[in-house]
Protein backbone atom coordinates (compact mmCIF):
# COMPACT_ATOMS: atom_id res chain seq x y z
CA MET A 1 55.90 178.70 146.23
CA PRO A 2 57.59 181.63 144.46
CA THR A 3 57.15 182.51 140.77
CA ALA A 4 54.89 180.15 138.84
CA SER A 5 57.21 177.75 137.05
CA LEU A 6 57.43 174.54 135.06
CA TYR A 7 58.99 171.90 137.33
CA LEU A 8 60.66 168.84 135.83
CA ILE A 9 59.94 166.08 138.36
CA PRO A 10 62.06 162.90 138.16
CA VAL A 11 60.58 159.59 139.25
CA THR A 12 62.13 156.27 140.23
CA LEU A 13 63.47 153.91 137.55
CA GLY A 14 61.37 151.04 138.91
CA GLU A 15 60.25 149.63 142.23
CA THR A 16 62.91 151.55 144.15
CA GLU A 17 62.28 153.17 147.52
CA ILE A 18 61.62 156.84 146.77
CA SER A 19 63.79 158.10 149.61
CA LYS A 20 66.74 156.27 148.06
CA VAL A 21 66.80 158.26 144.83
CA LEU A 22 64.75 161.45 145.34
CA PRO A 23 65.57 164.23 147.83
CA PRO A 24 62.95 165.48 150.34
CA TYR A 25 63.01 168.88 148.63
CA ASN A 26 61.25 167.32 145.64
CA TRP A 27 58.41 166.20 147.88
CA SER A 28 57.80 169.73 149.14
CA ILE A 29 57.60 171.00 145.56
CA ILE A 30 55.28 168.21 144.46
CA SER A 31 52.86 168.77 147.35
CA SER A 32 52.38 172.40 146.31
CA ILE A 33 51.54 171.69 142.65
CA ARG A 34 48.01 171.10 141.42
CA TYR A 35 48.63 170.76 137.67
CA PHE A 36 50.69 167.97 136.12
CA ILE A 37 51.72 166.99 132.59
CA VAL A 38 52.12 163.21 132.45
CA GLU A 39 52.52 160.30 130.04
CA ASN A 40 50.14 158.05 131.94
CA VAL A 41 47.65 159.30 134.51
CA ARG A 42 47.44 156.00 136.41
CA THR A 43 51.17 155.67 137.02
CA ALA A 44 51.49 159.39 137.76
CA ARG A 45 48.78 159.18 140.41
CA ARG A 46 50.51 156.15 141.91
CA PHE A 47 53.84 157.98 142.08
CA LEU A 48 52.28 161.05 143.69
CA LYS A 49 50.54 158.89 146.28
CA GLN A 50 53.83 157.15 147.11
CA THR A 51 55.54 160.51 147.46
CA ASP A 52 52.83 161.95 149.70
CA PRO A 53 50.25 159.44 151.04
CA GLY A 54 48.09 162.34 152.20
CA ILE A 55 47.80 164.00 148.78
CA ASP A 56 44.29 164.26 147.30
CA VAL A 57 44.99 163.06 143.76
CA ASP A 58 41.35 163.52 142.77
CA SER A 59 41.73 167.28 143.22
CA LEU A 60 44.62 167.45 140.75
CA THR A 61 44.48 168.25 137.05
CA PHE A 62 46.39 166.03 134.62
CA TYR A 63 47.31 166.77 131.02
CA ILE A 64 48.32 163.72 128.99
CA LEU A 65 51.47 164.05 126.88
CA ASN A 66 52.50 161.05 124.80
CA LYS A 67 53.17 160.15 121.17
CA HIS A 68 49.45 160.45 120.41
CA THR A 69 49.05 164.01 121.75
CA PRO A 70 48.53 166.55 118.92
CA ASP A 71 51.19 169.28 118.85
CA THR A 72 48.42 171.87 118.73
CA GLU A 73 47.34 170.93 122.27
CA LEU A 74 50.74 171.43 123.90
CA PRO A 75 50.76 175.23 124.36
CA GLY A 76 47.45 174.98 126.23
CA PHE A 77 49.03 172.72 128.84
CA LEU A 78 50.93 175.76 130.12
CA ASN A 79 47.86 177.98 130.56
CA PRO A 80 47.78 177.49 134.38
CA VAL A 81 51.12 179.31 134.63
CA GLU A 82 49.50 182.45 133.25
CA ASP A 83 47.12 182.29 136.22
CA GLY A 84 50.00 182.02 138.66
CA ASN A 85 49.96 178.22 139.07
CA SER A 86 53.09 176.11 138.75
CA ILE A 87 53.01 172.93 136.68
CA GLY A 88 54.97 169.70 137.05
CA ILE A 89 56.06 167.31 134.32
CA ILE A 90 56.23 163.66 135.37
CA SER A 91 57.90 161.08 133.15
CA GLU A 92 57.19 157.35 133.22
CA ALA A 93 60.68 156.73 134.56
CA GLY A 94 63.74 158.81 135.30
CA CYS A 95 64.10 162.45 134.30
CA PRO A 96 61.53 164.35 132.22
CA ALA A 97 62.65 165.70 128.83
CA ILE A 98 65.56 163.22 128.58
CA ALA A 99 64.60 160.69 125.90
CA ASP A 100 61.09 161.78 126.81
CA PRO A 101 58.27 163.80 125.12
CA GLY A 102 58.44 166.34 127.95
CA ALA A 103 61.17 168.10 125.96
CA ASP A 104 58.48 169.54 123.66
CA ILE A 105 56.75 171.24 126.58
CA VAL A 106 60.04 172.59 127.92
CA ALA A 107 60.81 174.11 124.51
CA ILE A 108 57.46 175.91 124.52
CA ALA A 109 58.00 177.12 128.08
CA GLN A 110 61.39 178.55 127.12
CA LYS A 111 59.82 180.44 124.20
CA LYS A 112 57.13 181.81 126.52
CA ASN A 113 59.79 182.87 129.04
CA ILE A 114 58.29 180.58 131.69
CA PRO A 115 60.85 179.61 134.38
CA VAL A 116 61.91 175.99 133.95
CA VAL A 117 63.16 174.26 137.11
CA PRO A 118 64.79 170.79 136.81
CA LEU A 119 64.67 168.80 140.04
CA VAL A 120 67.32 166.28 141.07
CA GLY A 121 66.63 162.62 140.32
CA PRO A 122 67.89 159.44 138.64
CA SER A 123 68.81 159.32 134.96
CA ALA A 124 69.49 155.82 133.67
CA ILE A 125 71.63 157.24 130.87
CA LEU A 126 73.95 159.19 133.15
CA LEU A 127 74.10 156.52 135.84
CA ALA A 128 75.07 153.91 133.24
CA LEU A 129 77.74 156.22 131.82
CA MET A 130 79.09 156.93 135.31
CA ALA A 131 79.46 153.23 136.06
CA SER A 132 80.79 152.16 132.66
CA GLY A 133 84.34 153.46 132.93
CA PHE A 134 83.90 155.02 129.48
CA ASN A 135 84.56 158.55 128.24
CA GLY A 136 82.28 160.92 130.16
CA GLN A 137 83.70 164.01 128.43
CA SER A 138 82.32 163.09 125.02
CA PHE A 139 79.31 160.81 124.59
CA ALA A 140 76.13 160.44 122.55
CA PHE A 141 72.81 158.83 123.36
CA HIS A 142 70.91 157.50 120.33
CA GLY A 143 67.72 156.11 121.84
CA TYR A 144 66.40 153.09 119.95
CA LEU A 145 68.37 151.63 117.05
CA PRO A 146 66.54 150.89 113.76
CA VAL A 147 64.18 147.92 113.82
CA ASP A 148 65.14 146.80 110.30
CA ALA A 149 67.89 144.18 110.62
CA GLY A 150 70.07 145.62 107.86
CA GLU A 151 69.76 149.19 109.08
CA ARG A 152 70.46 148.11 112.66
CA VAL A 153 73.75 146.46 111.69
CA LYS A 154 74.68 149.47 109.56
CA THR A 155 73.97 151.83 112.47
CA LEU A 156 75.93 149.72 114.94
CA LYS A 157 78.96 149.69 112.65
CA SER A 158 78.70 153.46 112.28
CA LEU A 159 78.51 153.98 116.05
CA GLU A 160 81.45 151.65 116.59
CA GLN A 161 83.48 153.63 114.08
CA ARG A 162 82.82 156.79 116.08
CA ILE A 163 84.23 155.36 119.30
CA TYR A 164 87.54 154.81 117.52
CA SER A 165 87.64 157.90 115.28
CA GLU A 166 86.13 160.41 117.74
CA ASN A 167 86.94 158.80 121.10
CA GLN A 168 83.23 159.17 121.90
CA THR A 169 81.12 156.84 124.06
CA GLN A 170 77.98 155.63 122.28
CA LEU A 171 74.84 154.74 124.27
CA PHE A 172 71.51 153.29 123.15
CA ILE A 173 68.51 151.31 124.39
CA GLU A 174 66.02 148.68 123.33
CA THR A 175 62.52 147.64 124.35
CA PRO A 176 63.09 145.34 127.37
CA TYR A 177 61.57 142.24 125.78
CA ARG A 178 63.94 142.59 122.78
CA ASN A 179 67.16 143.16 124.76
CA GLY A 180 68.39 139.64 124.08
CA LYS A 181 68.08 139.98 120.32
CA LEU A 182 69.89 143.32 120.34
CA LEU A 183 72.71 141.86 122.42
CA GLU A 184 73.09 139.03 119.90
CA VAL A 185 73.38 141.55 117.06
CA ILE A 186 75.95 143.60 118.99
CA LEU A 187 78.09 140.53 119.66
CA LYS A 188 77.94 139.45 116.01
CA THR A 189 78.56 142.91 114.58
CA CYS A 190 81.13 144.64 116.77
CA ASN A 191 84.88 144.07 116.95
CA PRO A 192 85.81 141.46 119.60
CA ALA A 193 88.09 144.06 121.23
CA THR A 194 85.37 146.69 121.56
CA LEU A 195 84.16 147.34 125.10
CA LEU A 196 80.46 146.90 125.86
CA CYS A 197 78.80 148.05 129.07
CA ILE A 198 75.43 146.52 129.93
CA ALA A 199 73.53 148.39 132.64
CA ALA A 200 70.22 146.77 133.61
CA ASP A 201 67.72 147.46 136.41
CA ILE A 202 69.65 150.55 137.51
CA THR A 203 68.96 151.53 141.17
CA LEU A 204 66.91 148.35 141.70
CA GLY A 205 67.81 145.44 143.95
CA SER A 206 68.58 143.39 140.83
CA GLU A 207 70.90 146.05 139.40
CA PHE A 208 73.46 144.68 136.95
CA ILE A 209 76.23 146.87 135.51
CA LYS A 210 79.22 145.22 133.84
CA THR A 211 81.81 146.35 131.30
CA ARG A 212 83.51 143.64 129.25
CA ARG A 213 85.01 143.25 125.80
CA ILE A 214 82.76 141.80 123.12
CA ALA A 215 84.88 138.63 123.07
CA GLU A 216 84.26 138.15 126.80
CA TRP A 217 80.51 138.75 126.57
CA LYS A 218 80.29 136.02 123.93
CA LYS A 219 81.40 133.48 126.54
CA GLN A 220 78.58 134.35 128.95
CA MET A 221 75.53 136.35 127.94
CA PRO A 222 73.37 137.73 130.78
CA ASP A 223 69.62 137.27 130.85
CA LEU A 224 68.23 140.72 130.02
CA SER A 225 64.66 139.69 129.28
CA LYS A 226 62.11 142.31 130.36
CA ARG A 227 64.78 144.35 132.19
CA PRO A 228 65.19 148.08 131.48
CA CYS A 229 68.68 148.31 130.06
CA ILE A 230 71.24 150.78 128.73
CA PHE A 231 73.90 149.60 126.29
CA ALA A 232 77.14 151.51 125.80
CA ILE A 233 80.17 150.83 123.61
CA TYR A 234 83.65 152.28 123.76
CA LYS A 235 87.21 151.36 122.87
């Protein structure tokens, strides 16, 4: 491998065949890295083993990066680069640093002038936007909406206003087991003429991506329980 770098390694969005969504080039990069920054060691080891059955995962070094990791520990995760060793960031699903704590490590790497190399892989946000039929020139992803019922409705109304005033697609997510409740709030809050795209289980065999007006969704609500899902609204 050339210059020691920080590689952003995408993973599948679920139980999808790796060869379907990740190019062989990624595998060659992964097999040459011995240091990884991950959210969960168990799932990271499983992904690496699926990518290369012959890899010796016990010989690898893992640094855990999640919401509990102190900020003071992050710069030290990049120490191997100073010794000429590349490092890989592995997210729990999709692309590292996109709605993912890996962004904090990338920011540090940029400040340290460490080469950052994003590898090709699936992003649920972009795939949902691609399939929605909505504005792909101007869009915003907001992550999770507020948990408080009043604030959630207020935020939804604000986002809906932006699709009409700014011609901007608005995307957001919810914890899979609460998808149904969020959908109910969307249908009660948004204008019947507003378009809603629901993209669930992207790249999986059970993939579901449909764009309908709010009024149409009210007639038949899909079962989104425990399914990773992206919601998008547009005019």
